[in-house]
Amino acid sequence: MKNRKHLVKGTFFKAFFSLFAMVMVTPFGLALTENMEEVQENKLVVNIDDPLAYFNVDAEWIREDLLESAFYDAARRQKLEGFELSYNGITPKNARGVLEFRIISWRRSVANMYEFTTSARYINADGDEIKLGVFRGYRSGITALMRRDIGEHFADTAEDAFRQALRKLDEKLS
């Protein structure tokens, strides 16, 4: 019972601090969007929208790093070049095309399976939208022997889904 009071205090403090951080960071984020508008017209803009990270401030930068490395690996394997990656960003208006990923789920299940689900859509320079669909990546957690392997498994599941989406985009555009 005596620890319950501390738990409520800690939860209230975390919620208050998160709200305070969002209020303080928002003006800086809006100020940085001006740089995003200056994308070269010949580049594809890839935006990874991760709404689950908005509520988990502590892990947002980890999620961003893992998702960026996963997409760069998938793009390298699919031989995609000439793109600009943004995470939870605002997409510019003068890009040659926009590939948007929206993270639906990214978790480790009770059965120790790493699962990643995302939806993808492509918007060309004319504003025509092509819905690519929902893509999933799965990995078994049996091979994660050390704690540092967990991040690699999460990134690998995301990479599998990104590669499927890039293949589908290639099929639709050709």
C-alpha atoms as a PDB file:
ATOM      1  CA  MET A   1       0.000   0.000   0.000  1.00  0.00           C
ATOM      2  CA  LYS A   2       2.743   2.464   0.832  1.00  0.00           C
ATOM      3  CA  ASN A   3       4.398   1.924  -2.581  1.00  0.00           C
ATOM      4  CA  ARG A   4       1.109   2.649  -4.371  1.00  0.00           C
ATOM      5  CA  LYS A   5       1.344   6.336  -3.458  1.00  0.00           C
ATOM      6  CA  HIS A   6       4.837   6.482  -4.976  1.00  0.00           C
ATOM      7  CA  LEU A   7       3.575   4.707  -8.121  1.00  0.00           C
ATOM      8  CA  VAL A   8       0.783   7.235  -8.622  1.00  0.00           C
ATOM      9  CA  LYS A   9       3.205  10.118  -8.048  1.00  0.00           C
ATOM     10  CA  GLY A  10       5.704   8.684 -10.543  1.00  0.00           C
ATOM     11  CA  THR A  11       3.037   8.127 -13.196  1.00  0.00           C
ATOM     12  CA  PHE A  12       1.698  11.650 -12.746  1.00  0.00           C
ATOM     13  CA  PHE A  13       5.216  13.083 -12.999  1.00  0.00           C
ATOM     14  CA  LYS A  14       5.953  11.145 -16.208  1.00  0.00           C
ATOM     15  CA  ALA A  15       2.684  12.275 -17.783  1.00  0.00           C
ATOM     16  CA  PHE A  16       3.280  15.892 -16.773  1.00  0.00           C
ATOM     17  CA  PHE A  17       6.878  15.813 -18.009  1.00  0.00           C
ATOM     18  CA  SER A  18       5.805  14.283 -21.357  1.00  0.00           C
ATOM     19  CA  LEU A  19       3.172  16.976 -21.828  1.00  0.00           C
ATOM     20  CA  PHE A  20       5.682  19.686 -20.892  1.00  0.00           C
ATOM     21  CA  ALA A  21       8.247  18.259 -23.327  1.00  0.00           C
ATOM     22  CA  MET A  22       5.702  18.211 -26.176  1.00  0.00           C
ATOM     23  CA  VAL A  23       4.709  21.819 -25.532  1.00  0.00           C
ATOM     24  CA  MET A  24       8.351  22.934 -25.450  1.00  0.00           C
ATOM     25  CA  VAL A  25       9.505  20.928 -28.473  1.00  0.00           C
ATOM     26  CA  THR A  26       6.595  21.707 -30.821  1.00  0.00           C
ATOM     27  CA  PRO A  27       7.729  25.252 -31.702  1.00  0.00           C
ATOM     28  CA  PHE A  28      11.225  23.955 -32.472  1.00  0.00           C
ATOM     29  CA  GLY A  29       9.787  21.187 -34.633  1.00  0.00           C
ATOM     30  CA  LEU A  30       7.688  23.669 -36.559  1.00  0.00           C
ATOM     31  CA  ALA A  31      10.729  25.874 -37.074  1.00  0.00           C
ATOM     32  CA  LEU A  32      12.669  22.948 -38.536  1.00  0.00           C
ATOM     33  CA  THR A  33       9.991  22.151 -41.137  1.00  0.00           C
ATOM     34  CA  GLU A  34      11.183  25.037 -43.303  1.00  0.00           C
ATOM     35  CA  ASN A  35      14.306  23.030 -44.142  1.00  0.00           C
ATOM     36  CA  MET A  36      12.172  20.071 -45.176  1.00  0.00           C
ATOM     37  CA  GLU A  37      10.454  22.143 -47.875  1.00  0.00           C
ATOM     38  CA  GLU A  38      13.739  22.517 -49.795  1.00  0.00           C
ATOM     39  CA  VAL A  39      13.925  18.992 -51.166  1.00  0.00           C
ATOM     40  CA  GLN A  40      15.346  18.559 -54.621  1.00  0.00           C
ATOM     41  CA  GLU A  41      12.670  17.782 -57.166  1.00  0.00           C
ATOM     42  CA  ASN A  42      14.411  14.649 -58.402  1.00  0.00           C
ATOM     43  CA  LYS A  43      14.399  12.921 -54.994  1.00  0.00           C
ATOM     44  CA  LEU A  44      11.880  10.487 -53.652  1.00  0.00           C
ATOM     45  CA  VAL A  45      10.780  11.368 -50.128  1.00  0.00           C
ATOM     46  CA  VAL A  46      10.231   8.422 -47.808  1.00  0.00           C
ATOM     47  CA  ASN A  47       8.279   9.260 -44.674  1.00  0.00           C
ATOM     48  CA  ILE A  48       7.951   6.756 -41.852  1.00  0.00           C
ATOM     49  CA  ASP A  49       4.990   7.711 -39.687  1.00  0.00           C
ATOM     50  CA  ASP A  50       5.202   6.013 -36.302  1.00  0.00           C
ATOM     51  CA  PRO A  51       2.214   7.109 -34.188  1.00  0.00           C
ATOM     52  CA  LEU A  52       3.080   4.580 -31.491  1.00  0.00           C
ATOM     53  CA  ALA A  53       6.273   6.499 -30.724  1.00  0.00           C
ATOM     54  CA  TYR A  54       4.340   9.648 -29.831  1.00  0.00           C
ATOM     55  CA  PHE A  55       3.217   8.026 -26.601  1.00  0.00           C
ATOM     56  CA  ASN A  56       6.536   6.430 -25.702  1.00  0.00           C
ATOM     57  CA  VAL A  57       8.931   9.343 -25.426  1.00  0.00           C
ATOM     58  CA  ASP A  58      11.681   7.254 -23.858  1.00  0.00           C
ATOM     59  CA  ALA A  59      11.938   4.832 -26.781  1.00  0.00           C
ATOM     60  CA  GLU A  60      11.251   7.173 -29.710  1.00  0.00           C
ATOM     61  CA  TRP A  61      14.888   7.704 -30.659  1.00  0.00           C
ATOM     62  CA  ILE A  62      15.564   3.962 -30.447  1.00  0.00           C
ATOM     63  CA  ARG A  63      12.608   3.246 -32.708  1.00  0.00           C
ATOM     64  CA  GLU A  64      13.765   5.940 -35.122  1.00  0.00           C
ATOM     65  CA  ASP A  65      17.281   4.499 -35.359  1.00  0.00           C
ATOM     66  CA  LEU A  66      16.041   0.944 -35.851  1.00  0.00           C
ATOM     67  CA  LEU A  67      13.497   1.950 -38.498  1.00  0.00           C
ATOM     68  CA  GLU A  68      15.977   4.108 -40.389  1.00  0.00           C
ATOM     69  CA  SER A  69      18.617   1.372 -40.466  1.00  0.00           C
ATOM     70  CA  ALA A  70      15.972  -1.155 -41.535  1.00  0.00           C
ATOM     71  CA  PHE A  71      14.797   1.049 -44.408  1.00  0.00           C
ATOM     72  CA  TYR A  72      18.350   1.836 -45.568  1.00  0.00           C
ATOM     73  CA  ASP A  73      19.144  -1.891 -45.616  1.00  0.00           C
ATOM     74  CA  ALA A  74      15.947  -2.672 -47.541  1.00  0.00           C
ATOM     75  CA  ALA A  75      16.623   0.153 -50.014  1.00  0.00           C
ATOM     76  CA  ARG A  76      20.185  -1.042 -50.528  1.00  0.00           C
ATOM     77  CA  ARG A  77      18.984  -4.578 -51.254  1.00  0.00           C
ATOM     78  CA  GLN A  78      16.290  -3.338 -53.640  1.00  0.00           C
ATOM     79  CA  LYS A  79      18.814  -0.949 -55.264  1.00  0.00           C
ATOM     80  CA  LEU A  80      16.731   2.140 -54.495  1.00  0.00           C
ATOM     81  CA  GLU A  81      18.746   5.342 -54.767  1.00  0.00           C
ATOM     82  CA  GLY A  82      18.025   9.049 -54.692  1.00  0.00           C
ATOM     83  CA  PHE A  83      15.677   9.265 -51.752  1.00  0.00           C
ATOM     84  CA  GLU A  84      15.409  11.340 -48.619  1.00  0.00           C
ATOM     85  CA  LEU A  85      14.169   9.682 -45.426  1.00  0.00           C
ATOM     86  CA  SER A  86      12.161  11.429 -42.725  1.00  0.00           C
ATOM     87  CA  TYR A  87      10.742  10.020 -39.507  1.00  0.00           C
ATOM     88  CA  ASN A  88       7.424  11.418 -38.255  1.00  0.00           C
ATOM     89  CA  GLY A  89       8.024  14.406 -40.502  1.00  0.00           C
ATOM     90  CA  ILE A  90       6.078  16.643 -42.795  1.00  0.00           C
ATOM     91  CA  THR A  91       6.305  15.739 -46.456  1.00  0.00           C
ATOM     92  CA  PRO A  92       7.379  18.507 -48.839  1.00  0.00           C
ATOM     93  CA  LYS A  93       5.293  19.603 -51.786  1.00  0.00           C
ATOM     94  CA  ASN A  94       7.905  19.649 -54.542  1.00  0.00           C
ATOM     95  CA  ALA A  95       9.192  16.065 -54.305  1.00  0.00           C
ATOM     96  CA  ARG A  96       9.165  13.749 -57.312  1.00  0.00           C
ATOM     97  CA  GLY A  97       7.131  11.311 -55.241  1.00  0.00           C
ATOM     98  CA  VAL A  98       6.338  10.431 -51.652  1.00  0.00           C
ATOM     99  CA  LEU A  99       6.440   6.941 -50.216  1.00  0.00           C
ATOM    100  CA  GLU A 100       4.652   6.878 -46.879  1.00  0.00           C
ATOM    101  CA  PHE A 101       4.832   4.091 -44.343  1.00  0.00           C
ATOM    102  CA  ARG A 102       2.509   4.045 -41.342  1.00  0.00           C
ATOM    103  CA  ILE A 103       3.590   1.717 -38.559  1.00  0.00           C
ATOM    104  CA  ILE A 104       0.622  -0.314 -37.348  1.00  0.00           C
ATOM    105  CA  SER A 105       2.288  -2.741 -34.972  1.00  0.00           C
ATOM    106  CA  TRP A 106       5.798  -3.540 -33.853  1.00  0.00           C
ATOM    107  CA  ARG A 107       6.135  -5.953 -30.985  1.00  0.00           C
ATOM    108  CA  ARG A 108       7.492  -9.143 -29.541  1.00  0.00           C
ATOM    109  CA  SER A 109       4.706 -11.633 -28.942  1.00  0.00           C
ATOM    110  CA  VAL A 110       4.202 -13.954 -26.011  1.00  0.00           C
ATOM    111  CA  ALA A 111       5.505 -16.798 -28.171  1.00  0.00           C
ATOM    112  CA  ASN A 112       8.789 -14.839 -28.619  1.00  0.00           C
ATOM    113  CA  MET A 113       8.042 -13.917 -32.241  1.00  0.00           C
ATOM    114  CA  TYR A 114       9.112 -10.501 -33.460  1.00  0.00           C
ATOM    115  CA  GLU A 115       6.322  -8.971 -35.537  1.00  0.00           C
ATOM    116  CA  PHE A 116       6.220  -5.796 -37.610  1.00  0.00           C
ATOM    117  CA  THR A 117       3.212  -4.498 -39.556  1.00  0.00           C
ATOM    118  CA  THR A 118       3.071  -1.384 -41.713  1.00  0.00           C
ATOM    119  CA  SER A 119       0.862   0.058 -44.408  1.00  0.00           C
ATOM    120  CA  ALA A 120       2.358   1.806 -47.410  1.00  0.00           C
ATOM    121  CA  ARG A 121       1.208   4.207 -50.092  1.00  0.00           C
ATOM    122  CA  TYR A 122       2.911   6.078 -52.892  1.00  0.00           C
ATOM    123  CA  ILE A 123       1.955   9.543 -54.080  1.00  0.00           C
ATOM    124  CA  ASN A 124       3.498  10.688 -57.354  1.00  0.00           C
ATOM    125  CA  ALA A 125       4.326  14.277 -58.326  1.00  0.00           C
ATOM    126  CA  ASP A 126       0.876  14.747 -59.890  1.00  0.00           C
ATOM    127  CA  GLY A 127      -0.832  13.845 -56.626  1.00  0.00           C
ATOM    128  CA  ASP A 128      -2.099  10.427 -57.745  1.00  0.00           C
ATOM    129  CA  GLU A 129      -2.138   7.967 -54.868  1.00  0.00           C
ATOM    130  CA  ILE A 130      -1.254   4.283 -55.160  1.00  0.00           C
ATOM    131  CA  LYS A 131      -2.105   2.199 -52.114  1.00  0.00           C
ATOM    132  CA  LEU A 132       0.478  -0.526 -51.849  1.00  0.00           C
ATOM    133  CA  GLY A 133      -1.150  -2.464 -49.010  1.00  0.00           C
ATOM    134  CA  VAL A 134      -0.203  -3.869 -45.632  1.00  0.00           C
ATOM    135  CA  PHE A 135       3.152  -5.584 -45.173  1.00  0.00           C
ATOM    136  CA  ARG A 136       4.396  -7.797 -42.373  1.00  0.00           C
ATOM    137  CA  GLY A 137       7.717  -9.059 -41.166  1.00  0.00           C
ATOM    138  CA  TYR A 138       8.219 -11.956 -38.749  1.00  0.00           C
ATOM    139  CA  ARG A 139      11.268 -13.362 -37.013  1.00  0.00           C
ATOM    140  CA  SER A 140      11.655 -16.047 -34.415  1.00  0.00           C
ATOM    141  CA  GLY A 141      13.127 -14.902 -31.136  1.00  0.00           C
ATOM    142  CA  ILE A 142      14.769 -18.242 -30.441  1.00  0.00           C
ATOM    143  CA  THR A 143      18.052 -17.048 -31.935  1.00  0.00           C
ATOM    144  CA  ALA A 144      18.159 -13.904 -29.761  1.00  0.00           C
ATOM    145  CA  LEU A 145      20.631 -15.227 -27.254  1.00  0.00           C
ATOM    146  CA  MET A 146      21.949 -11.927 -25.972  1.00  0.00           C
ATOM    147  CA  ARG A 147      20.116  -8.762 -25.066  1.00  0.00           C
ATOM    148  CA  ARG A 148      21.808  -6.760 -27.834  1.00  0.00           C
ATOM    149  CA  ASP A 149      20.356  -9.148 -30.443  1.00  0.00           C
ATOM    150  CA  ILE A 150      16.829  -7.955 -29.639  1.00  0.00           C
ATOM    151  CA  GLY A 151      17.288  -4.663 -31.511  1.00  0.00           C
ATOM    152  CA  GLU A 152      18.640  -6.519 -34.538  1.00  0.00           C
ATOM    153  CA  HIS A 153      15.578  -8.784 -34.607  1.00  0.00           C
ATOM    154  CA  PHE A 154      13.238  -5.798 -34.414  1.00  0.00           C
ATOM    155  CA  ALA A 155      15.139  -4.093 -37.256  1.00  0.00           C
ATOM    156  CA  ASP A 156      15.165  -7.279 -39.343  1.00  0.00           C
ATOM    157  CA  THR A 157      11.386  -7.649 -39.135  1.00  0.00           C
ATOM    158  CA  ALA A 158      10.962  -4.041 -40.253  1.00  0.00           C
ATOM    159  CA  GLU A 159      13.451  -4.566 -43.073  1.00  0.00           C
ATOM    160  CA  ASP A 160      11.481  -7.567 -44.363  1.00  0.00           C
ATOM    161  CA  ALA A 161       8.262  -5.533 -44.499  1.00  0.00           C
ATOM    162  CA  PHE A 162       9.994  -2.549 -46.140  1.00  0.00           C
ATOM    163  CA  ARG A 163      11.513  -4.820 -48.794  1.00  0.00           C
ATOM    164  CA  GLN A 164       8.101  -6.311 -49.585  1.00  0.00           C
ATOM    165  CA  ALA A 165       6.675  -2.800 -49.968  1.00  0.00           C
ATOM    166  CA  LEU A 166       9.539  -1.691 -52.228  1.00  0.00           C
ATOM    167  CA  ARG A 167       9.052  -4.752 -54.419  1.00  0.00           C
ATOM    168  CA  LYS A 168       5.341  -4.000 -54.699  1.00  0.00           C
ATOM    169  CA  LEU A 169       6.102  -0.358 -55.569  1.00  0.00           C
ATOM    170  CA  ASP A 170       8.519  -1.505 -58.262  1.00  0.00           C
ATOM    171  CA  GLU A 171       5.832  -3.803 -59.715  1.00  0.00           C
ATOM    172  CA  LYS A 172       3.214  -1.017 -59.716  1.00  0.00           C
ATOM    173  CA  LEU A 173       5.506   1.555 -61.352  1.00  0.00           C
ATOM    174  CA  SER A 174       6.850  -0.731 -64.069  1.00  0.00           C
END
